[in-house]
C-alpha cells in the first residue's frame, strides 16, 4: 500500500455538512487532499474558493434546506 493518499478518493463525491465549522474544515481538508470532489454545506456557504470544492448555503434543519443541498450534489 502506498503512503501517497492523494488519489484515494479521486473522482468520488463527498458531501460534508457543517463545513465551515472547526471539525468541518478539517474534514473538508482531509477529503480534498485525498482527491475527492467536495460539496461543502453549511448555513452560510462560507469558505475560501478552491478547485474541487463547491460551497452551498443550506439550513439542513429544514426539509427545504436538505432538498437544496441534495439538489446541489
Protein backbone atom coordinates (compact mmCIF):
# COMPACT_ATOMS: atom_id res chain seq x y z
CA UNK A 1 0.00 0.00 0.00
CA UNK A 2 1.33 3.39 -0.99
CA UNK A 3 1.72 6.19 1.54
CA UNK A 4 0.51 8.70 -1.07
CA UNK A 5 -3.21 9.17 -0.39
CA UNK A 6 -3.68 11.94 -2.96
CA UNK A 7 -5.59 9.63 -5.33
CA UNK A 8 -7.51 7.51 -2.81
CA UNK A 9 -10.77 9.39 -3.42
CA UNK A 10 -10.17 10.67 -6.96
CA UNK A 11 -13.47 11.38 -8.67
CA UNK A 12 -15.62 10.45 -5.69
CA UNK A 13 -18.13 12.99 -4.39
CA UNK A 14 -18.30 13.72 -0.67
CA UNK A 15 -20.95 15.89 1.00
CA UNK A 16 -19.69 17.49 4.19
CA UNK A 17 -22.22 19.16 6.48
CA UNK A 18 -21.16 21.86 8.89
CA UNK A 19 -18.25 22.53 6.55
CA UNK A 20 -17.43 25.99 7.90
CA UNK A 21 -17.08 24.80 11.50
CA UNK A 22 -13.80 23.73 13.04
CA UNK A 23 -14.31 20.00 12.51
CA UNK A 24 -15.93 20.57 9.12
CA UNK A 25 -12.88 22.49 7.88
CA UNK A 26 -10.54 19.69 9.00
CA UNK A 27 -12.70 17.00 7.35
CA UNK A 28 -13.00 19.07 4.17
CA UNK A 29 -9.22 19.49 4.00
CA UNK A 30 -8.62 15.76 4.53
CA UNK A 31 -11.01 14.76 1.75
CA UNK A 32 -9.63 17.49 -0.52
CA UNK A 33 -6.08 16.16 -0.03
CA UNK A 34 -7.31 12.66 -0.90
CA UNK A 35 -8.59 13.88 -4.28
CA UNK A 36 -12.34 13.96 -3.60
CA UNK A 37 -14.87 16.29 -5.20
CA UNK A 38 -16.49 18.06 -2.26
CA UNK A 39 -19.92 19.52 -1.67
CA UNK A 40 -19.35 21.66 1.43
CA UNK A 41 -22.67 22.51 3.07
CA UNK A 42 -23.31 24.91 5.92
CA UNK A 43 -25.84 27.56 6.82
CA UNK A 44 -23.80 30.41 5.37
CA UNK A 45 -21.88 28.84 2.47
CA UNK A 46 -18.67 30.38 3.77
CA UNK A 47 -15.14 29.36 2.97
CA UNK A 48 -12.34 30.02 0.58
CA UNK A 49 -12.95 29.12 -3.06
CA UNK A 50 -10.91 26.09 -4.12
CA UNK A 51 -10.76 23.71 -7.01
CA UNK A 52 -12.94 20.60 -6.44
CA UNK A 53 -14.93 22.28 -3.63
CA UNK A 54 -18.48 23.52 -4.22
CA UNK A 55 -19.90 25.50 -1.32
CA UNK A 56 -23.64 25.50 -0.66
CA UNK A 57 -25.56 27.56 1.87
CA UNK A 58 -28.40 25.46 3.26
CA UNK A 59 -30.12 25.01 6.61
CA UNK A 60 -30.29 21.23 7.00
CA UNK A 61 -32.73 21.51 9.90
CA UNK A 62 -35.46 22.19 7.31
CA UNK A 63 -36.82 19.98 4.56
CA UNK A 64 -36.26 22.77 2.04
CA UNK A 65 -32.62 23.17 3.07
CA UNK A 66 -31.99 19.43 2.85
CA UNK A 67 -33.58 19.34 -0.61
CA UNK A 68 -31.44 22.29 -1.70
CA UNK A 69 -28.24 20.56 -0.56
CA UNK A 70 -29.26 17.29 -2.24
CA UNK A 71 -30.09 19.09 -5.48
CA UNK A 72 -26.64 20.71 -5.48
CA UNK A 73 -25.00 17.29 -5.37
